[in-house]
Amino acid sequence: MKNIITYLTSRLIKIVANILKGGCYIFHFFFPRKRFVIPSRSSPFIRTKSSRVIPKIIWQTNYTDRVTLAVYMNYLFNRLMATDHEYRFMTTAEREAFVRAEYPQDIFENYSKLQIGAAQADFWRVLILQKYGGIYLDIDAHLIWPLSSIINPDHDELYISSRRGNINNYFIASKHNSVHLEKIINLVMKNINENKLNNVYDLTGPGVFNAVLDAEEVNTKPYRYVCNQGNFTNEYFQYIDKTEGKWTKAQNRIEIIKK
């Protein structure tokens, strides 16, 4: 019964989000240069005493913290769905500083070889969760149910599966020092060192997760009951200030790994 209610809720959210997204076109037609600032850190709206294996921290990243109304609404909606969670955000420069400060030189050097922002973000999300734990969400991803009701107190990880049953990486929840995340990091390092792959998906993205993890053995839930993406925002609103555009286009113009 809960799954039915959750699914229907996700459909309603999708309808409302797409209506609001349509309104954002009108807003930015009249205010084309208006941007909203996503905070680098924000405390929980509600503090609870309940403990949980996975820290109550949401992590996100983007090439800039100055975003369009659509992206900002997506951010606000996630805060509403996770009122008892801390929020942390890093830009491209802040990601680099984190990896340099917190990880060995070989990891930083390989991270620095990645020339496409999405590939860097793929690697960073695993590194940040391995260091601190928490929940990673893509900048266009949004929760469809309160986060504390999705993650059980004893969960040490949670991944989402696609319609085909594959693991995706736009939502990742994990404790720190995870054995599974360590395996993912090792495979990303191997992929960068070998430099045989020519697409971000398999080099640093979901392809790595599915090569390392068995969706039937790790804790997974279908995405439709946890998190969706691209309803509040889209490629236009996300990359409006980035001339090179989305990573799917960038990987066709430049090499992913710097030689």
C-alpha atoms as a PDB file:
ATOM      1  CA  MET A   1       0.000   0.000   0.000  1.00  0.00           C
ATOM      2  CA  LYS A   2       2.845   2.380   0.883  1.00  0.00           C
ATOM      3  CA  ASN A   3       4.482   1.785  -2.503  1.00  0.00           C
ATOM      4  CA  ILE A   4       1.233   2.666  -4.264  1.00  0.00           C
ATOM      5  CA  ILE A   5       0.904   5.904  -2.282  1.00  0.00           C
ATOM      6  CA  THR A   6       4.564   6.746  -2.925  1.00  0.00           C
ATOM      7  CA  TYR A   7       4.193   6.085  -6.641  1.00  0.00           C
ATOM      8  CA  LEU A   8       1.058   8.235  -6.894  1.00  0.00           C
ATOM      9  CA  THR A   9       2.838  10.976  -4.947  1.00  0.00           C
ATOM     10  CA  SER A  10       5.726  10.848  -7.412  1.00  0.00           C
ATOM     11  CA  ARG A  11       3.284  11.260 -10.320  1.00  0.00           C
ATOM     12  CA  LEU A  12       1.733  14.298  -8.635  1.00  0.00           C
ATOM     13  CA  ILE A  13       5.160  15.805  -7.962  1.00  0.00           C
ATOM     14  CA  LYS A  14       6.095  15.281 -11.606  1.00  0.00           C
ATOM     15  CA  ILE A  15       2.995  17.112 -12.824  1.00  0.00           C
ATOM     16  CA  VAL A  16       3.446  20.056 -10.446  1.00  0.00           C
ATOM     17  CA  ALA A  17       7.201  20.255 -11.105  1.00  0.00           C
ATOM     18  CA  ASN A  18       6.734  20.400 -14.860  1.00  0.00           C
ATOM     19  CA  ILE A  19       4.118  23.136 -14.515  1.00  0.00           C
ATOM     20  CA  LEU A  20       6.542  25.149 -12.376  1.00  0.00           C
ATOM     21  CA  LYS A  21       9.322  24.480 -14.876  1.00  0.00           C
ATOM     22  CA  GLY A  22       7.145  25.974 -17.593  1.00  0.00           C
ATOM     23  CA  GLY A  23       6.738  29.071 -15.453  1.00  0.00           C
ATOM     24  CA  CYS A  24      10.524  29.365 -15.194  1.00  0.00           C
ATOM     25  CA  TYR A  25      10.750  30.005 -18.940  1.00  0.00           C
ATOM     26  CA  ILE A  26       8.469  33.004 -18.459  1.00  0.00           C
ATOM     27  CA  PHE A  27      10.433  34.193 -15.415  1.00  0.00           C
ATOM     28  CA  HIS A  28      13.794  34.071 -17.195  1.00  0.00           C
ATOM     29  CA  PHE A  29      12.343  35.687 -20.304  1.00  0.00           C
ATOM     30  CA  PHE A  30      11.699  38.796 -18.213  1.00  0.00           C
ATOM     31  CA  PHE A  31      14.724  38.338 -15.923  1.00  0.00           C
ATOM     32  CA  PRO A  32      17.348  36.587 -18.098  1.00  0.00           C
ATOM     33  CA  ARG A  33      20.298  37.379 -15.827  1.00  0.00           C
ATOM     34  CA  LYS A  34      18.644  36.620 -12.506  1.00  0.00           C
ATOM     35  CA  ARG A  35      20.359  33.837 -10.566  1.00  0.00           C
ATOM     36  CA  PHE A  36      19.820  32.334  -7.119  1.00  0.00           C
ATOM     37  CA  VAL A  37      22.626  31.237  -4.798  1.00  0.00           C
ATOM     38  CA  ILE A  38      22.764  27.716  -3.410  1.00  0.00           C
ATOM     39  CA  PRO A  39      24.436  27.800   0.030  1.00  0.00           C
ATOM     40  CA  SER A  40      27.652  25.869   0.599  1.00  0.00           C
ATOM     41  CA  ARG A  41      26.266  24.664   3.915  1.00  0.00           C
ATOM     42  CA  SER A  42      22.860  24.744   5.562  1.00  0.00           C
ATOM     43  CA  SER A  43      21.778  23.345   8.928  1.00  0.00           C
ATOM     44  CA  PRO A  44      18.761  21.050   9.345  1.00  0.00           C
ATOM     45  CA  PHE A  45      15.435  22.836   9.653  1.00  0.00           C
ATOM     46  CA  ILE A  46      14.422  20.325  12.311  1.00  0.00           C
ATOM     47  CA  ARG A  47      16.928  18.674  14.643  1.00  0.00           C
ATOM     48  CA  THR A  48      16.127  15.155  15.809  1.00  0.00           C
ATOM     49  CA  LYS A  49      17.832  12.936  18.369  1.00  0.00           C
ATOM     50  CA  SER A  50      17.318   9.741  16.402  1.00  0.00           C
ATOM     51  CA  SER A  51      20.531   8.034  15.304  1.00  0.00           C
ATOM     52  CA  ARG A  52      21.243   6.434  11.946  1.00  0.00           C
ATOM     53  CA  VAL A  53      24.148   4.554  10.385  1.00  0.00           C
ATOM     54  CA  ILE A  54      24.098   6.788   7.296  1.00  0.00           C
ATOM     55  CA  PRO A  55      24.798  10.400   8.355  1.00  0.00           C
ATOM     56  CA  LYS A  56      21.991  12.889   7.766  1.00  0.00           C
ATOM     57  CA  ILE A  57      23.923  14.988   5.271  1.00  0.00           C
ATOM     58  CA  ILE A  58      22.878  15.731   1.691  1.00  0.00           C
ATOM     59  CA  TRP A  59      25.717  16.373  -0.752  1.00  0.00           C
ATOM     60  CA  GLN A  60      25.403  18.144  -4.099  1.00  0.00           C
ATOM     61  CA  THR A  61      27.724  19.745  -6.619  1.00  0.00           C
ATOM     62  CA  ASN A  62      27.533  21.944  -9.700  1.00  0.00           C
ATOM     63  CA  TYR A  63      29.892  24.005 -11.842  1.00  0.00           C
ATOM     64  CA  THR A  64      28.513  27.123 -10.115  1.00  0.00           C
ATOM     65  CA  ASP A  65      26.480  27.983  -7.042  1.00  0.00           C
ATOM     66  CA  ARG A  66      24.572  30.677  -8.960  1.00  0.00           C
ATOM     67  CA  VAL A  67      21.649  28.899 -10.583  1.00  0.00           C
ATOM     68  CA  THR A  68      18.406  29.512 -12.444  1.00  0.00           C
ATOM     69  CA  LEU A  69      15.019  29.545 -10.745  1.00  0.00           C
ATOM     70  CA  ALA A  70      14.282  25.992 -11.924  1.00  0.00           C
ATOM     71  CA  VAL A  71      17.431  24.551 -10.353  1.00  0.00           C
ATOM     72  CA  TYR A  72      16.864  26.575  -7.185  1.00  0.00           C
ATOM     73  CA  MET A  73      13.295  25.266  -6.865  1.00  0.00           C
ATOM     74  CA  ASN A  74      14.672  21.745  -7.191  1.00  0.00           C
ATOM     75  CA  TYR A  75      17.094  22.507  -4.331  1.00  0.00           C
ATOM     76  CA  LEU A  76      14.306  23.935  -2.157  1.00  0.00           C
ATOM     77  CA  PHE A  77      12.080  20.925  -2.765  1.00  0.00           C
ATOM     78  CA  ASN A  78      14.812  18.546  -1.612  1.00  0.00           C
ATOM     79  CA  ARG A  79      15.291  20.613   1.527  1.00  0.00           C
ATOM     80  CA  LEU A  80      11.563  20.322   2.160  1.00  0.00           C
ATOM     81  CA  MET A  81      11.746  16.535   1.782  1.00  0.00           C
ATOM     82  CA  ALA A  82      14.722  16.293   4.141  1.00  0.00           C
ATOM     83  CA  THR A  83      14.048  18.830   6.881  1.00  0.00           C
ATOM     84  CA  ASP A  84      16.134  16.920   9.439  1.00  0.00           C
ATOM     85  CA  HIS A  85      19.192  16.690   7.170  1.00  0.00           C
ATOM     86  CA  GLU A  86      22.175  18.999   6.887  1.00  0.00           C
ATOM     87  CA  TYR A  87      22.935  20.266   3.382  1.00  0.00           C
ATOM     88  CA  ARG A  88      26.378  20.721   1.829  1.00  0.00           C
ATOM     89  CA  PHE A  89      27.301  21.939  -1.634  1.00  0.00           C
ATOM     90  CA  MET A  90      30.573  22.217  -3.560  1.00  0.00           C
ATOM     91  CA  THR A  91      31.477  23.964  -6.801  1.00  0.00           C
ATOM     92  CA  THR A  92      34.062  22.660  -9.262  1.00  0.00           C
ATOM     93  CA  ALA A  93      36.891  24.515  -7.495  1.00  0.00           C
ATOM     94  CA  GLU A  94      35.762  23.327  -4.065  1.00  0.00           C
ATOM     95  CA  ARG A  95      35.613  19.723  -5.262  1.00  0.00           C
ATOM     96  CA  GLU A  96      39.200  19.940  -6.420  1.00  0.00           C
ATOM     97  CA  ALA A  97      40.319  21.461  -3.120  1.00  0.00           C
ATOM     98  CA  PHE A  98      38.581  18.671  -1.195  1.00  0.00           C
ATOM     99  CA  VAL A  99      40.203  15.863  -3.181  1.00  0.00           C
ATOM    100  CA  ARG A 100      43.618  17.522  -2.909  1.00  0.00           C
ATOM    101  CA  ALA A 101      43.315  17.901   0.876  1.00  0.00           C
ATOM    102  CA  GLU A 102      41.662  14.615   1.825  1.00  0.00           C
ATOM    103  CA  TYR A 103      43.029  11.962  -0.538  1.00  0.00           C
ATOM    104  CA  PRO A 104      46.438  10.588  -1.550  1.00  0.00           C
ATOM    105  CA  GLN A 105      48.376  12.181  -4.390  1.00  0.00           C
ATOM    106  CA  ASP A 106      47.630   9.410  -6.889  1.00  0.00           C
ATOM    107  CA  ILE A 107      43.873   9.869  -6.467  1.00  0.00           C
ATOM    108  CA  PHE A 108      44.161  13.643  -6.801  1.00  0.00           C
ATOM    109  CA  GLU A 109      46.324  13.317  -9.915  1.00  0.00           C
ATOM    110  CA  ASN A 110      43.826  10.986 -11.579  1.00  0.00           C
ATOM    111  CA  TYR A 111      40.928  13.200 -10.566  1.00  0.00           C
ATOM    112  CA  SER A 112      42.757  16.169 -12.118  1.00  0.00           C
ATOM    113  CA  LYS A 113      43.189  14.284 -15.397  1.00  0.00           C
ATOM    114  CA  LEU A 114      39.417  14.254 -15.928  1.00  0.00           C
ATOM    115  CA  GLN A 115      38.579  17.090 -18.331  1.00  0.00           C
ATOM    116  CA  ILE A 116      34.787  16.834 -18.246  1.00  0.00           C
ATOM    117  CA  GLY A 117      32.936  18.192 -15.233  1.00  0.00           C
ATOM    118  CA  ALA A 118      30.464  15.305 -15.072  1.00  0.00           C
ATOM    119  CA  ALA A 119      33.303  12.771 -14.874  1.00  0.00           C
ATOM    120  CA  GLN A 120      34.869  14.751 -12.038  1.00  0.00           C
ATOM    121  CA  ALA A 121      31.498  14.919 -10.285  1.00  0.00           C
ATOM    122  CA  ASP A 122      31.073  11.154 -10.709  1.00  0.00           C
ATOM    123  CA  PHE A 123      34.392  10.514  -9.002  1.00  0.00           C
ATOM    124  CA  TRP A 124      33.873  13.204  -6.344  1.00  0.00           C
ATOM    125  CA  ARG A 125      30.495  11.856  -5.193  1.00  0.00           C
ATOM    126  CA  VAL A 126      32.063   8.531  -4.303  1.00  0.00           C
ATOM    127  CA  LEU A 127      35.064  10.164  -2.645  1.00  0.00           C
ATOM    128  CA  ILE A 128      32.952  12.534  -0.526  1.00  0.00           C
ATOM    129  CA  LEU A 129      30.674   9.733   0.678  1.00  0.00           C
ATOM    130  CA  GLN A 130      33.619   7.473   1.417  1.00  0.00           C
ATOM    131  CA  LYS A 131      35.125  10.232   3.564  1.00  0.00           C
ATOM    132  CA  TYR A 132      32.050  11.532   5.390  1.00  0.00           C
ATOM    133  CA  GLY A 133      29.042   9.403   4.466  1.00  0.00           C
ATOM    134  CA  GLY A 134      25.600  10.796   3.692  1.00  0.00           C
ATOM    135  CA  ILE A 135      23.349  11.084   0.660  1.00  0.00           C
ATOM    136  CA  TYR A 136      24.436  12.300  -2.748  1.00  0.00           C
ATOM    137  CA  LEU A 137      21.903  13.793  -5.176  1.00  0.00           C
ATOM    138  CA  ASP A 138      22.489  15.074  -8.708  1.00  0.00           C
ATOM    139  CA  ILE A 139      21.664  18.770  -9.042  1.00  0.00           C
ATOM    140  CA  ASP A 140      18.568  17.886 -11.117  1.00  0.00           C
ATOM    141  CA  ALA A 141      17.477  14.982  -8.893  1.00  0.00           C
ATOM    142  CA  HIS A 142      14.619  15.320  -6.440  1.00  0.00           C
ATOM    143  CA  LEU A 143      13.257  13.111  -3.692  1.00  0.00           C
ATOM    144  CA  ILE A 144       9.711  11.829  -4.023  1.00  0.00           C
ATOM    145  CA  TRP A 145       9.226  10.866  -0.369  1.00  0.00           C
ATOM    146  CA  PRO A 146      10.634  12.209   2.936  1.00  0.00           C
ATOM    147  CA  LEU A 147      14.235  11.052   3.137  1.00  0.00           C
ATOM    148  CA  SER A 148      14.047   9.817   6.729  1.00  0.00           C
ATOM    149  CA  SER A 149      11.206   7.516   5.696  1.00  0.00           C
ATOM    150  CA  ILE A 150      13.246   6.136   2.796  1.00  0.00           C
ATOM    151  CA  ILE A 151      16.435   5.307   4.706  1.00  0.00           C
ATOM    152  CA  ASN A 152      16.073   3.012   7.701  1.00  0.00           C
ATOM    153  CA  PRO A 153      18.202   3.670  10.818  1.00  0.00           C
ATOM    154  CA  ASP A 154      20.163   0.436  10.278  1.00  0.00           C
ATOM    155  CA  HIS A 155      20.795   0.931   6.552  1.00  0.00           C
ATOM    156  CA  ASP A 156      24.495   1.292   5.789  1.00  0.00           C
ATOM    157  CA  GLU A 157      23.832   1.947   2.095  1.00  0.00           C
ATOM    158  CA  LEU A 158      21.022   2.476  -0.389  1.00  0.00           C
ATOM    159  CA  TYR A 159      21.170   2.600  -4.172  1.00  0.00           C
ATOM    160  CA  ILE A 160      18.434   3.133  -6.738  1.00  0.00           C
ATOM    161  CA  SER A 161      17.675   0.861  -9.667  1.00  0.00           C
ATOM    162  CA  SER A 162      16.395   1.811 -13.107  1.00  0.00           C
ATOM    163  CA  ARG A 163      13.482   0.262 -14.994  1.00  0.00           C
ATOM    164  CA  ARG A 164      15.907  -2.339 -16.328  1.00  0.00           C
ATOM    165  CA  GLY A 165      17.171  -3.142 -12.849  1.00  0.00           C
ATOM    166  CA  ASN A 166      20.566  -1.460 -13.245  1.00  0.00           C
ATOM    167  CA  ILE A 167      22.034   0.693 -10.488  1.00  0.00           C
ATOM    168  CA  ASN A 168      22.138   4.424 -11.190  1.00  0.00           C
ATOM    169  CA  ASN A 169      24.347   6.973  -9.459  1.00  0.00           C
ATOM    170  CA  TYR A 170      22.249  10.145  -9.344  1.00  0.00           C
ATOM    171  CA  PHE A 171      21.219   9.044  -5.842  1.00  0.00           C
ATOM    172  CA  ILE A 172      23.648   7.320  -3.489  1.00  0.00           C
ATOM    173  CA  ALA A 173      23.275   6.865   0.266  1.00  0.00           C
ATOM    174  CA  SER A 174      26.129   5.326   2.227  1.00  0.00           C
ATOM    175  CA  LYS A 175      28.026   5.252   5.476  1.00  0.00           C
ATOM    176  CA  HIS A 176      31.651   6.394   5.354  1.00  0.00           C
ATOM    177  CA  ASN A 177      34.463   3.872   4.839  1.00  0.00           C
ATOM    178  CA  SER A 178      32.243   1.615   2.752  1.00  0.00           C
ATOM    179  CA  VAL A 179      33.691  -1.569   1.272  1.00  0.00           C
ATOM    180  CA  HIS A 180      31.519  -1.118  -1.819  1.00  0.00           C
ATOM    181  CA  LEU A 181      32.529   2.503  -2.357  1.00  0.00           C
ATOM    182  CA  GLU A 182      36.171   1.491  -1.999  1.00  0.00           C
ATOM    183  CA  LYS A 183      35.722  -1.034  -4.818  1.00  0.00           C
ATOM    184  CA  ILE A 184      34.114   1.654  -6.979  1.00  0.00           C
ATOM    185  CA  ILE A 185      36.994   4.046  -6.295  1.00  0.00           C
ATOM    186  CA  ASN A 186      39.515   1.357  -7.220  1.00  0.00           C
ATOM    187  CA  LEU A 187      37.779   0.630 -10.531  1.00  0.00           C
ATOM    188  CA  VAL A 188      37.561   4.333 -11.420  1.00  0.00           C
ATOM    189  CA  MET A 189      41.286   4.623 -10.712  1.00  0.00           C
ATOM    190  CA  LYS A 190      41.952   1.582 -12.909  1.00  0.00           C
ATOM    191  CA  ASN A 191      39.828   3.014 -15.723  1.00  0.00           C
ATOM    192  CA  ILE A 192      41.680   6.328 -15.628  1.00  0.00           C
ATOM    193  CA  ASN A 193      45.091   4.652 -15.527  1.00  0.00           C
ATOM    194  CA  GLU A 194      44.284   2.359 -18.457  1.00  0.00           C
ATOM    195  CA  ASN A 195      42.471   5.081 -20.456  1.00  0.00           C
ATOM    196  CA  LYS A 196      40.683   2.603 -22.723  1.00  0.00           C
ATOM    197  CA  LEU A 197      37.113   3.906 -22.370  1.00  0.00           C
ATOM    198  CA  ASN A 198      35.732   6.802 -24.398  1.00  0.00           C
ATOM    199  CA  ASN A 199      32.504   7.561 -22.525  1.00  0.00           C
ATOM    200  CA  VAL A 200      31.821   9.040 -19.098  1.00  0.00           C
ATOM    201  CA  TYR A 201      29.073   6.516 -18.320  1.00  0.00           C
ATOM    202  CA  ASP A 202      31.467   3.550 -18.214  1.00  0.00           C
ATOM    203  CA  LEU A 203      34.604   5.411 -17.147  1.00  0.00           C
ATOM    204  CA  THR A 204      33.337   7.038 -13.944  1.00  0.00           C
ATOM    205  CA  GLY A 205      29.536   6.786 -13.991  1.00  0.00           C
ATOM    206  CA  PRO A 206      26.826   4.143 -13.522  1.00  0.00           C
ATOM    207  CA  GLY A 207      28.787   1.644 -15.611  1.00  0.00           C
ATOM    208  CA  VAL A 208      31.342   1.418 -12.802  1.00  0.00           C
ATOM    209  CA  PHE A 209      28.650   0.793 -10.188  1.00  0.00           C
ATOM    210  CA  ASN A 210      27.123  -2.007 -12.234  1.00  0.00           C
ATOM    211  CA  ALA A 211      30.524  -3.568 -12.900  1.00  0.00           C
ATOM    212  CA  VAL A 212      31.296  -3.677  -9.174  1.00  0.00           C
ATOM    213  CA  LEU A 213      27.915  -4.131  -7.477  1.00  0.00           C
ATOM    214  CA  ASP A 214      25.195  -6.741  -7.892  1.00  0.00           C
ATOM    215  CA  ALA A 215      21.816  -4.997  -7.727  1.00  0.00           C
ATOM    216  CA  GLU A 216      20.277  -8.128  -6.228  1.00  0.00           C
ATOM    217  CA  GLU A 217      22.814  -8.320  -3.408  1.00  0.00           C
ATOM    218  CA  VAL A 218      23.239  -4.694  -2.297  1.00  0.00           C
ATOM    219  CA  ASN A 219      20.417  -2.653  -0.768  1.00  0.00           C
ATOM    220  CA  THR A 220      18.485  -1.119  -3.656  1.00  0.00           C
ATOM    221  CA  LYS A 221      15.064   0.358  -4.269  1.00  0.00           C
ATOM    222  CA  PRO A 222      13.398   1.239  -7.587  1.00  0.00           C
ATOM    223  CA  TYR A 223      13.991   4.894  -8.404  1.00  0.00           C
ATOM    224  CA  ARG A 224      10.245   5.572  -8.624  1.00  0.00           C
ATOM    225  CA  TYR A 225       9.965   5.066  -4.841  1.00  0.00           C
ATOM    226  CA  VAL A 226      13.017   7.123  -3.902  1.00  0.00           C
ATOM    227  CA  CYS A 227      14.259   9.778  -6.297  1.00  0.00           C
ATOM    228  CA  ASN A 228      13.575  11.090  -9.781  1.00  0.00           C
ATOM    229  CA  GLN A 229      15.307  13.658 -11.974  1.00  0.00           C
ATOM    230  CA  GLY A 230      14.639  16.230 -14.660  1.00  0.00           C
ATOM    231  CA  ASN A 231      11.159  17.292 -13.573  1.00  0.00           C
ATOM    232  CA  PHE A 232      11.828  20.675 -11.958  1.00  0.00           C
ATOM    233  CA  THR A 233      14.677  21.488 -14.322  1.00  0.00           C
ATOM    234  CA  ASN A 234      16.255  20.445 -17.620  1.00  0.00           C
ATOM    235  CA  GLU A 235      19.381  20.831 -19.727  1.00  0.00           C
ATOM    236  CA  TYR A 236      18.524  24.410 -20.693  1.00  0.00           C
ATOM    237  CA  PHE A 237      18.187  25.630 -17.106  1.00  0.00           C
ATOM    238  CA  GLN A 238      21.175  23.629 -15.850  1.00  0.00           C
ATOM    239  CA  TYR A 239      23.690  24.668 -18.505  1.00  0.00           C
ATOM    240  CA  ILE A 240      22.456  28.151 -19.367  1.00  0.00           C
ATOM    241  CA  ASP A 241      25.764  29.659 -18.168  1.00  0.00           C
ATOM    242  CA  LYS A 242      28.043  26.866 -19.415  1.00  0.00           C
ATOM    243  CA  THR A 243      29.011  27.345 -23.050  1.00  0.00           C
ATOM    244  CA  GLU A 244      30.327  23.793 -23.532  1.00  0.00           C
ATOM    245  CA  GLY A 245      26.936  22.391 -22.535  1.00  0.00           C
ATOM    246  CA  LYS A 246      26.071  18.976 -21.131  1.00  0.00           C
ATOM    247  CA  TRP A 247      28.696  16.262 -20.680  1.00  0.00           C
ATOM    248  CA  THR A 248      27.110  14.096 -23.379  1.00  0.00           C
ATOM    249  CA  LYS A 249      28.097  16.773 -25.895  1.00  0.00           C
ATOM    250  CA  ALA A 250      31.430  17.657 -24.315  1.00  0.00           C
ATOM    251  CA  GLN A 251      32.727  14.055 -24.441  1.00  0.00           C
ATOM    252  CA  ASN A 252      32.318  14.115 -28.228  1.00  0.00           C
ATOM    253  CA  ARG A 253      34.495  17.219 -28.579  1.00  0.00           C
ATOM    254  CA  ILE A 254      37.306  16.654 -26.110  1.00  0.00           C
ATOM    255  CA  GLU A 255      39.100  13.677 -24.624  1.00  0.00           C
ATOM    256  CA  ILE A 256      37.759  12.721 -21.204  1.00  0.00           C
ATOM    257  CA  ILE A 257      41.216  12.049 -19.779  1.00  0.00           C
ATOM    258  CA  LYS A 258      44.074  14.510 -20.113  1.00  0.00           C
ATOM    259  CA  LYS A 259      47.223  12.861 -21.442  1.00  0.00           C
END
